[in-house]
């Protein structure tokens, strides 16, 4: 997957060591109530469309950009749906903890398609017929569609989907 010039510069200083990075993801729903998912090219898993926030970019602008760049869909951001720290270790050994802000978005145009090299496939799925997804994806979908306010891990607790040890 491509790495931004900003992150590449940081990596030149810290190697594979832990980086904390701001990121966004989108729970995108179309007019039929289907959810947009992408099959990631780095691990072949189905996931929400997501990515890092560029320096100087507002999170809502980043989520709009990422959904179009990765899936060819234009979205309207409905609301902030959650926030959580999520660890990732990439196959090359790079360690990250992403502070992920996820948004409930409504599809307003475009055609779902692989639009860059970050995805193997993209598609619309009914909530009851999702491809296999991990707990992290399921947490964001469920809390977005079932909750009425932004989700976060309560102080002193952890959620198994976050991959972090209990506080």
N, C-alpha and C. Protein backbone atom coordinates (compact mmCIF):
# COMPACT_ATOMS: atom_id res chain seq x y z
N UNK A 1 0.84 -1.17 0.00
CA UNK A 1 0.00 0.00 0.00
C UNK A 1 0.89 1.23 0.00
N UNK A 2 0.46 2.27 -0.68
CA UNK A 2 1.30 3.47 -0.74
C UNK A 2 1.40 4.14 0.63
N UNK A 3 2.53 4.74 0.85
CA UNK A 3 2.77 5.44 2.10
C UNK A 3 2.92 6.92 1.75
N UNK A 4 2.31 7.78 2.56
CA UNK A 4 2.39 9.21 2.28
C UNK A 4 3.82 9.71 2.47
N UNK A 5 4.12 10.81 1.84
CA UNK A 5 5.44 11.42 1.98
C UNK A 5 5.71 11.77 3.45
N UNK A 6 4.67 12.22 4.15
CA UNK A 6 4.78 12.56 5.56
C UNK A 6 5.20 11.34 6.39
N UNK A 7 4.49 10.21 6.21
CA UNK A 7 4.81 9.00 6.98
C UNK A 7 6.16 8.44 6.55
N UNK A 8 6.47 8.50 5.26
CA UNK A 8 7.78 8.02 4.79
C UNK A 8 8.90 8.80 5.46
N UNK A 9 8.73 10.10 5.62
CA UNK A 9 9.72 10.92 6.30
C UNK A 9 9.87 10.50 7.76
N UNK A 10 8.74 10.28 8.45
CA UNK A 10 8.81 9.82 9.84
C UNK A 10 9.51 8.47 9.92
N UNK A 11 9.16 7.55 9.02
CA UNK A 11 9.77 6.22 9.02
C UNK A 11 11.28 6.29 8.79
N UNK A 12 11.73 7.28 8.02
CA UNK A 12 13.18 7.42 7.79
C UNK A 12 13.93 7.73 9.08
N UNK A 13 13.21 8.26 10.06
CA UNK A 13 13.82 8.59 11.35
C UNK A 13 13.64 7.49 12.39
N UNK A 14 12.50 6.79 12.36
CA UNK A 14 12.20 5.84 13.43
C UNK A 14 12.19 4.38 12.96
N UNK A 15 12.41 4.14 11.69
CA UNK A 15 12.39 2.77 11.18
C UNK A 15 11.02 2.13 11.38
N UNK A 16 11.02 0.89 11.90
CA UNK A 16 9.77 0.17 12.12
C UNK A 16 9.12 0.49 13.47
N UNK A 17 9.74 1.35 14.28
CA UNK A 17 9.22 1.65 15.62
C UNK A 17 7.82 2.23 15.55
N UNK A 18 7.16 2.19 16.68
CA UNK A 18 5.78 2.63 16.80
C UNK A 18 5.58 4.08 16.38
N UNK A 19 4.59 4.29 15.54
CA UNK A 19 4.10 5.63 15.20
C UNK A 19 2.64 5.71 15.60
N UNK A 20 2.25 6.82 16.17
CA UNK A 20 0.82 7.09 16.41
C UNK A 20 0.37 8.04 15.31
N UNK A 21 -0.70 7.65 14.62
CA UNK A 21 -1.15 8.41 13.46
C UNK A 21 -2.66 8.62 13.50
N UNK A 22 -3.12 9.80 13.10
CA UNK A 22 -4.56 10.03 13.01
C UNK A 22 -5.11 9.39 11.72
N UNK A 23 -6.29 8.78 11.84
CA UNK A 23 -6.90 8.13 10.68
C UNK A 23 -8.41 8.26 10.73
N UNK A 24 -9.03 7.93 9.60
CA UNK A 24 -10.48 7.95 9.48
C UNK A 24 -10.96 6.67 8.83
N UNK A 25 -12.20 6.33 9.07
CA UNK A 25 -12.85 5.25 8.33
C UNK A 25 -14.31 5.63 8.15
N UNK A 26 -14.94 4.97 7.17
CA UNK A 26 -16.29 5.34 6.77
C UNK A 26 -17.23 4.15 6.80
N UNK A 27 -18.34 4.31 7.50
CA UNK A 27 -19.45 3.37 7.40
C UNK A 27 -20.40 4.02 6.40
N UNK A 28 -20.29 3.59 5.14
CA UNK A 28 -21.05 4.20 4.05
C UNK A 28 -22.28 3.35 3.76
N UNK A 29 -23.42 4.00 3.73
CA UNK A 29 -24.69 3.33 3.46
C UNK A 29 -25.29 3.93 2.19
N UNK A 30 -25.79 3.06 1.30
CA UNK A 30 -26.45 3.55 0.08
C UNK A 30 -27.96 3.60 0.28
N UNK A 31 -28.69 3.99 -0.78
CA UNK A 31 -30.14 4.16 -0.69
C UNK A 31 -30.87 2.84 -0.40
N UNK A 32 -30.24 1.71 -0.64
CA UNK A 32 -30.85 0.40 -0.34
C UNK A 32 -30.47 -0.10 1.06
N UNK A 33 -29.72 0.70 1.80
CA UNK A 33 -29.30 0.30 3.14
C UNK A 33 -28.09 -0.62 3.15
N UNK A 34 -27.43 -0.76 2.01
CA UNK A 34 -26.25 -1.62 1.93
C UNK A 34 -25.01 -0.86 2.39
N UNK A 35 -24.01 -1.63 2.83
CA UNK A 35 -22.76 -1.07 3.34
C UNK A 35 -21.65 -1.25 2.32
N UNK A 36 -20.80 -0.25 2.18
CA UNK A 36 -19.65 -0.29 1.28
C UNK A 36 -18.45 -0.88 2.00
N UNK A 37 -17.87 -1.92 1.43
CA UNK A 37 -16.66 -2.53 1.97
C UNK A 37 -15.63 -2.66 0.87
N UNK A 38 -14.37 -2.68 1.27
CA UNK A 38 -13.27 -2.92 0.35
C UNK A 38 -12.45 -4.10 0.81
N UNK A 39 -11.98 -4.89 -0.14
CA UNK A 39 -11.08 -5.99 0.19
C UNK A 39 -9.66 -5.46 0.06
N UNK A 40 -8.96 -5.38 1.17
CA UNK A 40 -7.64 -4.75 1.23
C UNK A 40 -6.61 -5.52 0.43
N UNK A 41 -5.72 -4.81 -0.24
CA UNK A 41 -4.68 -5.47 -1.03
C UNK A 41 -3.51 -5.96 -0.17
N UNK A 42 -3.35 -5.41 1.05
CA UNK A 42 -2.22 -5.82 1.89
C UNK A 42 -2.47 -7.12 2.65
N UNK A 43 -3.74 -7.43 2.95
CA UNK A 43 -4.01 -8.65 3.72
C UNK A 43 -5.21 -9.45 3.20
N UNK A 44 -5.83 -8.99 2.13
CA UNK A 44 -6.99 -9.63 1.48
C UNK A 44 -8.24 -9.65 2.34
N UNK A 45 -8.27 -8.95 3.46
CA UNK A 45 -9.44 -8.93 4.32
C UNK A 45 -10.42 -7.84 3.88
N UNK A 46 -11.70 -8.10 4.10
CA UNK A 46 -12.73 -7.11 3.85
C UNK A 46 -12.77 -6.13 5.01
N UNK A 47 -12.90 -4.86 4.69
CA UNK A 47 -12.86 -3.82 5.72
C UNK A 47 -13.65 -2.60 5.27
N UNK A 48 -13.81 -1.68 6.20
CA UNK A 48 -14.35 -0.37 5.84
C UNK A 48 -13.29 0.40 5.06
N UNK A 49 -13.72 1.35 4.28
CA UNK A 49 -12.79 2.23 3.59
C UNK A 49 -12.17 3.14 4.65
N UNK A 50 -10.85 3.25 4.63
CA UNK A 50 -10.15 3.98 5.68
C UNK A 50 -8.82 4.50 5.18
N UNK A 51 -8.25 5.42 5.94
CA UNK A 51 -6.93 5.91 5.60
C UNK A 51 -6.45 6.96 6.58
N UNK A 52 -5.22 7.36 6.40
CA UNK A 52 -4.59 8.36 7.28
C UNK A 52 -5.07 9.76 6.90
N UNK A 53 -5.10 10.61 7.91
CA UNK A 53 -5.40 12.02 7.70
C UNK A 53 -4.11 12.71 7.30
N UNK A 54 -4.14 13.47 6.24
CA UNK A 54 -2.96 14.21 5.80
C UNK A 54 -2.72 15.42 6.70
N UNK A 55 -1.47 15.86 6.84
CA UNK A 55 -1.20 17.07 7.63
C UNK A 55 -2.06 18.23 7.13
N UNK A 56 -2.70 18.92 8.07
CA UNK A 56 -3.53 20.08 7.74
C UNK A 56 -4.93 19.74 7.26
N UNK A 57 -5.27 18.47 7.14
CA UNK A 57 -6.57 18.06 6.62
C UNK A 57 -7.55 17.79 7.78
N UNK A 58 -8.76 18.29 7.64
CA UNK A 58 -9.79 18.00 8.63
C UNK A 58 -10.26 16.55 8.48
N UNK A 59 -10.60 15.87 9.58
CA UNK A 59 -11.02 14.48 9.48
C UNK A 59 -12.19 14.22 8.53
N UNK A 60 -13.21 15.06 8.54
CA UNK A 60 -14.35 14.83 7.64
C UNK A 60 -13.93 14.97 6.18
N UNK A 61 -13.03 15.90 5.89
CA UNK A 61 -12.51 16.02 4.52
C UNK A 61 -11.71 14.78 4.15
N UNK A 62 -10.95 14.24 5.10
CA UNK A 62 -10.15 13.05 4.84
C UNK A 62 -11.04 11.86 4.51
N UNK A 63 -12.13 11.68 5.23
CA UNK A 63 -12.99 10.53 4.97
C UNK A 63 -13.66 10.65 3.61
N UNK A 64 -14.08 11.84 3.22
CA UNK A 64 -14.66 12.05 1.89
C UNK A 64 -13.62 11.71 0.82
N UNK A 65 -12.39 12.19 1.00
CA UNK A 65 -11.31 11.92 0.05
C UNK A 65 -11.00 10.44 -0.05
N UNK A 66 -10.84 9.78 1.10
CA UNK A 66 -10.49 8.36 1.11
C UNK A 66 -11.54 7.49 0.42
N UNK A 67 -12.82 7.75 0.68
CA UNK A 67 -13.87 6.93 0.06
C UNK A 67 -13.83 7.09 -1.45
N UNK A 68 -13.64 8.31 -1.93
CA UNK A 68 -13.58 8.48 -3.37
C UNK A 68 -12.30 7.86 -3.96
N UNK A 69 -11.16 8.14 -3.32
CA UNK A 69 -9.89 7.60 -3.83
C UNK A 69 -9.89 6.08 -3.90
N UNK A 70 -10.42 5.43 -2.87
CA UNK A 70 -10.34 3.97 -2.81
C UNK A 70 -11.50 3.26 -3.49
N UNK A 71 -12.69 3.88 -3.52
CA UNK A 71 -13.86 3.15 -3.98
C UNK A 71 -14.69 3.85 -5.05
N UNK A 72 -14.32 5.09 -5.43
CA UNK A 72 -15.06 5.79 -6.48
C UNK A 72 -16.43 6.29 -6.07
N UNK A 73 -16.70 6.35 -4.78
CA UNK A 73 -18.01 6.78 -4.28
C UNK A 73 -17.90 8.17 -3.64
N UNK A 74 -18.82 9.05 -4.00
CA UNK A 74 -18.94 10.36 -3.35
C UNK A 74 -19.87 10.19 -2.16
N UNK A 75 -19.50 10.78 -1.02
CA UNK A 75 -20.30 10.64 0.19
C UNK A 75 -20.60 11.99 0.83
N UNK A 76 -21.71 12.00 1.57
CA UNK A 76 -22.02 13.09 2.48
C UNK A 76 -21.78 12.55 3.88
N UNK A 77 -21.07 13.30 4.69
CA UNK A 77 -20.79 12.88 6.06
C UNK A 77 -22.01 13.25 6.91
N UNK A 78 -22.60 12.23 7.55
CA UNK A 78 -23.79 12.43 8.37
C UNK A 78 -23.43 12.80 9.81
N UNK A 79 -22.46 12.05 10.38
CA UNK A 79 -22.08 12.33 11.77
C UNK A 79 -20.81 11.57 12.12
N UNK A 80 -20.14 12.05 13.17
CA UNK A 80 -19.05 11.31 13.78
C UNK A 80 -19.68 10.14 14.53
N UNK A 81 -19.22 8.92 14.26
CA UNK A 81 -19.84 7.74 14.87
C UNK A 81 -18.99 7.11 15.96
N UNK A 82 -17.69 7.41 16.00
CA UNK A 82 -16.86 6.83 17.04
C UNK A 82 -15.41 7.24 16.95
N UNK A 83 -14.70 6.92 18.01
CA UNK A 83 -13.27 7.21 18.09
C UNK A 83 -12.60 6.13 18.93
N UNK A 84 -11.48 5.62 18.44
CA UNK A 84 -10.76 4.60 19.21
C UNK A 84 -9.32 4.50 18.71
N UNK A 85 -8.45 4.07 19.60
CA UNK A 85 -7.07 3.77 19.26
C UNK A 85 -7.02 2.32 18.82
N UNK A 86 -6.38 2.08 17.67
CA UNK A 86 -6.35 0.73 17.10
C UNK A 86 -4.93 0.41 16.62
N UNK A 87 -4.31 -0.67 17.16
CA UNK A 87 -2.94 -1.01 16.76
C UNK A 87 -2.90 -1.84 15.47
N UNK A 88 -1.85 -1.63 14.70
CA UNK A 88 -1.61 -2.41 13.48
C UNK A 88 -0.12 -2.67 13.37
N UNK A 89 0.24 -3.90 13.04
CA UNK A 89 1.62 -4.22 12.68
C UNK A 89 1.56 -4.74 11.25
N UNK A 90 2.25 -4.06 10.35
CA UNK A 90 2.22 -4.42 8.94
C UNK A 90 3.20 -5.56 8.64
N UNK A 91 3.00 -6.25 7.52
CA UNK A 91 3.89 -7.38 7.17
C UNK A 91 5.37 -7.01 7.14
N UNK A 92 5.70 -5.75 6.83
CA UNK A 92 7.10 -5.34 6.81
C UNK A 92 7.65 -5.00 8.19
N UNK A 93 6.81 -5.15 9.23
CA UNK A 93 7.24 -4.89 10.60
C UNK A 93 6.92 -3.50 11.11
N UNK A 94 6.43 -2.60 10.27
CA UNK A 94 6.06 -1.26 10.73
C UNK A 94 4.95 -1.36 11.76
N UNK A 95 5.15 -0.69 12.91
CA UNK A 95 4.15 -0.66 13.97
C UNK A 95 3.46 0.69 13.99
N UNK A 96 2.13 0.65 14.09
CA UNK A 96 1.34 1.88 14.19
C UNK A 96 0.25 1.71 15.22
N UNK A 97 -0.12 2.80 15.84
CA UNK A 97 -1.37 2.88 16.57
C UNK A 97 -2.12 4.04 15.92
N UNK A 98 -3.25 3.69 15.33
CA UNK A 98 -4.07 4.69 14.66
C UNK A 98 -5.13 5.21 15.62
N UNK A 99 -5.20 6.52 15.77
CA UNK A 99 -6.35 7.11 16.43
C UNK A 99 -7.38 7.26 15.32
N UNK A 100 -8.36 6.36 15.30
CA UNK A 100 -9.33 6.30 14.22
C UNK A 100 -10.62 7.01 14.60
N UNK A 101 -11.01 7.95 13.76
CA UNK A 101 -12.32 8.59 13.86
C UNK A 101 -13.16 8.00 12.74
N UNK A 102 -14.28 7.39 13.10
CA UNK A 102 -15.11 6.84 12.03
C UNK A 102 -16.41 7.61 11.92
N UNK A 103 -16.88 7.68 10.68
CA UNK A 103 -18.02 8.51 10.34
C UNK A 103 -19.11 7.70 9.68
N UNK A 104 -20.34 8.08 9.98
CA UNK A 104 -21.50 7.54 9.27
C UNK A 104 -21.67 8.41 8.02
N UNK A 105 -21.59 7.79 6.86
CA UNK A 105 -21.66 8.52 5.59
C UNK A 105 -22.78 7.96 4.73
N UNK A 106 -23.33 8.82 3.89
CA UNK A 106 -24.37 8.45 2.95
C UNK A 106 -23.79 8.59 1.54
N UNK A 107 -23.95 7.55 0.74
CA UNK A 107 -23.49 7.60 -0.65
C UNK A 107 -24.37 8.57 -1.42
N UNK A 108 -23.74 9.47 -2.18
CA UNK A 108 -24.51 10.45 -2.96
C UNK A 108 -24.15 10.42 -4.44
N UNK A 109 -23.23 9.57 -4.85
CA UNK A 109 -22.88 9.48 -6.26
C UNK A 109 -21.70 8.57 -6.49
N UNK A 110 -21.41 8.35 -7.76
CA UNK A 110 -20.29 7.50 -8.13
C UNK A 110 -20.71 6.06 -8.29
N UNK A 111 -19.75 5.25 -8.72
CA UNK A 111 -19.96 3.82 -8.91
C UNK A 111 -18.89 3.09 -8.13
N UNK A 112 -19.30 2.14 -7.30
CA UNK A 112 -18.33 1.38 -6.50
C UNK A 112 -17.40 0.60 -7.42
N UNK A 113 -16.11 0.85 -7.26
CA UNK A 113 -15.10 0.18 -8.09
C UNK A 113 -13.75 0.27 -7.38
N UNK A 114 -12.85 -0.62 -7.76
CA UNK A 114 -11.48 -0.50 -7.29
C UNK A 114 -10.92 0.73 -7.97
N UNK A 115 -10.53 1.71 -7.17
CA UNK A 115 -10.13 3.00 -7.72
C UNK A 115 -8.66 3.31 -7.46
N UNK A 116 -7.95 2.41 -6.77
CA UNK A 116 -6.51 2.57 -6.55
C UNK A 116 -5.93 1.21 -6.21
N UNK A 117 -4.67 1.17 -5.84
CA UNK A 117 -4.03 -0.13 -5.57
C UNK A 117 -4.17 -0.59 -4.13
N UNK A 118 -4.99 0.09 -3.33
CA UNK A 118 -5.18 -0.31 -1.94
C UNK A 118 -6.23 -1.39 -1.77
N UNK A 119 -7.02 -1.65 -2.83
CA UNK A 119 -8.10 -2.63 -2.74
C UNK A 119 -8.01 -3.65 -3.85
N UNK A 120 -8.42 -4.88 -3.52
CA UNK A 120 -8.56 -5.93 -4.53
C UNK A 120 -9.97 -5.92 -5.11
N UNK A 121 -10.94 -5.53 -4.29
CA UNK A 121 -12.35 -5.49 -4.70
C UNK A 121 -13.07 -4.51 -3.79
N UNK A 122 -14.17 -3.97 -4.26
CA UNK A 122 -15.08 -3.17 -3.45
C UNK A 122 -16.50 -3.60 -3.79
N UNK A 123 -17.40 -3.44 -2.85
CA UNK A 123 -18.77 -3.82 -3.13
C UNK A 123 -19.72 -3.39 -2.03
N UNK A 124 -21.00 -3.48 -2.38
CA UNK A 124 -22.08 -3.17 -1.46
C UNK A 124 -22.63 -4.47 -0.88
N UNK A 125 -22.89 -4.48 0.42
CA UNK A 125 -23.35 -5.68 1.10
C UNK A 125 -24.47 -5.33 2.07
N UNK A 126 -25.48 -6.19 2.13
CA UNK A 126 -26.50 -6.00 3.17
C UNK A 126 -25.87 -6.35 4.50
N UNK A 127 -26.38 -5.76 5.55
CA UNK A 127 -25.81 -5.98 6.88
C UNK A 127 -25.87 -7.46 7.26
N UNK A 128 -26.90 -8.16 6.81
CA UNK A 128 -27.05 -9.56 7.14
C UNK A 128 -26.25 -10.50 6.27
N UNK A 129 -25.58 -9.98 5.24
CA UNK A 129 -24.81 -10.84 4.32
C UNK A 129 -23.43 -10.25 4.05
N UNK A 130 -22.77 -9.81 5.11
CA UNK A 130 -21.42 -9.27 4.98
C UNK A 130 -20.43 -10.40 4.71
N UNK A 131 -19.37 -10.12 3.96
CA UNK A 131 -18.30 -11.11 3.87
C UNK A 131 -17.63 -11.22 5.24
N UNK A 132 -16.75 -12.19 5.44
CA UNK A 132 -16.09 -12.27 6.75
C UNK A 132 -15.34 -10.97 7.07
N UNK A 133 -15.63 -10.42 8.25
CA UNK A 133 -14.95 -9.21 8.72
C UNK A 133 -14.49 -9.45 10.16
N UNK A 134 -13.45 -8.72 10.57
CA UNK A 134 -12.94 -8.89 11.92
C UNK A 134 -13.75 -8.06 12.92
N UNK A 135 -13.42 -8.23 14.21
CA UNK A 135 -14.15 -7.54 15.28
C UNK A 135 -14.05 -6.02 15.18
N UNK A 136 -12.94 -5.52 14.68
CA UNK A 136 -12.74 -4.08 14.55
C UNK A 136 -13.72 -3.51 13.53
N UNK A 137 -13.91 -4.18 12.42
CA UNK A 137 -14.88 -3.74 11.41
C UNK A 137 -16.29 -3.84 11.99
N UNK A 138 -16.58 -4.97 12.62
CA UNK A 138 -17.92 -5.20 13.19
C UNK A 138 -18.25 -4.16 14.25
N UNK A 139 -17.30 -3.81 15.11
CA UNK A 139 -17.54 -2.78 16.13
C UNK A 139 -17.97 -1.48 15.48
N UNK A 140 -17.24 -1.03 14.47
CA UNK A 140 -17.55 0.25 13.84
C UNK A 140 -18.90 0.21 13.13
N UNK A 141 -19.20 -0.88 12.45
CA UNK A 141 -20.50 -0.99 11.78
C UNK A 141 -21.63 -1.00 12.82
N UNK A 142 -21.53 -1.89 13.79
CA UNK A 142 -22.61 -2.04 14.77
C UNK A 142 -22.85 -0.76 15.56
N UNK A 143 -21.78 -0.14 16.04
CA UNK A 143 -21.95 1.08 16.84
C UNK A 143 -22.48 2.24 16.00
N UNK A 144 -22.10 2.27 14.73
CA UNK A 144 -22.60 3.33 13.86
C UNK A 144 -24.08 3.16 13.57
N UNK A 145 -24.48 1.95 13.23
CA UNK A 145 -25.87 1.72 12.83
C UNK A 145 -26.82 1.57 14.01
N UNK A 146 -26.32 1.12 15.15
CA UNK A 146 -27.18 0.89 16.31
C UNK A 146 -27.11 2.00 17.35
N UNK A 147 -26.04 2.78 17.33
CA UNK A 147 -25.85 3.82 18.33
C UNK A 147 -26.46 5.14 17.89
N UNK A 148 -26.64 6.03 18.85
CA UNK A 148 -27.17 7.35 18.52
C UNK A 148 -26.20 8.47 18.89
N UNK A 149 -25.03 8.07 19.39
CA UNK A 149 -23.99 9.05 19.68
C UNK A 149 -22.64 8.40 19.39
N UNK A 150 -21.60 9.21 19.38
CA UNK A 150 -20.27 8.69 19.05
C UNK A 150 -19.81 7.68 20.10
N UNK A 151 -19.32 6.53 19.63
CA UNK A 151 -18.82 5.48 20.51
C UNK A 151 -17.37 5.76 20.88
N UNK A 152 -16.98 5.38 22.10
CA UNK A 152 -15.59 5.41 22.52
C UNK A 152 -15.41 4.41 23.64
N UNK A 153 -14.19 3.93 23.83
CA UNK A 153 -13.89 3.04 24.94
C UNK A 153 -13.97 3.86 26.22
N UNK A 154 -14.79 3.44 27.13
CA UNK A 154 -14.96 4.16 28.40
C UNK A 154 -13.66 4.12 29.21
N UNK A 155 -13.39 5.16 29.99
CA UNK A 155 -12.17 5.19 30.79
C UNK A 155 -12.02 3.92 31.64
N UNK A 156 -10.81 3.37 31.63
CA UNK A 156 -10.51 2.20 32.43
C UNK A 156 -10.97 0.89 31.83
N UNK A 157 -11.47 0.91 30.62
CA UNK A 157 -11.94 -0.32 29.97
C UNK A 157 -11.29 -0.45 28.60
N UNK A 158 -11.39 -1.64 28.07
CA UNK A 158 -10.93 -1.90 26.72
C UNK A 158 -11.98 -2.77 26.04
N UNK A 159 -11.93 -2.83 24.76
CA UNK A 159 -12.85 -3.66 23.98
C UNK A 159 -12.00 -4.66 23.22
N UNK A 160 -12.41 -5.93 23.15
CA UNK A 160 -11.58 -6.93 22.46
C UNK A 160 -11.30 -6.58 21.00
N UNK A 161 -12.17 -5.84 20.36
CA UNK A 161 -11.96 -5.47 18.96
C UNK A 161 -10.81 -4.50 18.78
N UNK A 162 -10.39 -3.85 19.84
CA UNK A 162 -9.35 -2.84 19.74
C UNK A 162 -7.95 -3.42 19.81
N UNK A 163 -7.81 -4.66 20.20
CA UNK A 163 -6.50 -5.30 20.22
C UNK A 163 -5.55 -4.72 21.24
N UNK A 164 -6.07 -4.08 22.24
CA UNK A 164 -5.23 -3.48 23.28
C UNK A 164 -5.48 -4.20 24.59
N UNK A 165 -4.51 -4.21 25.46
CA UNK A 165 -4.67 -4.81 26.78
C UNK A 165 -5.59 -3.94 27.63
N UNK A 166 -6.25 -4.56 28.58
CA UNK A 166 -7.10 -3.80 29.51
C UNK A 166 -6.25 -2.77 30.24
N UNK A 167 -6.85 -1.63 30.45
CA UNK A 167 -6.16 -0.55 31.17
C UNK A 167 -6.08 -0.85 32.64
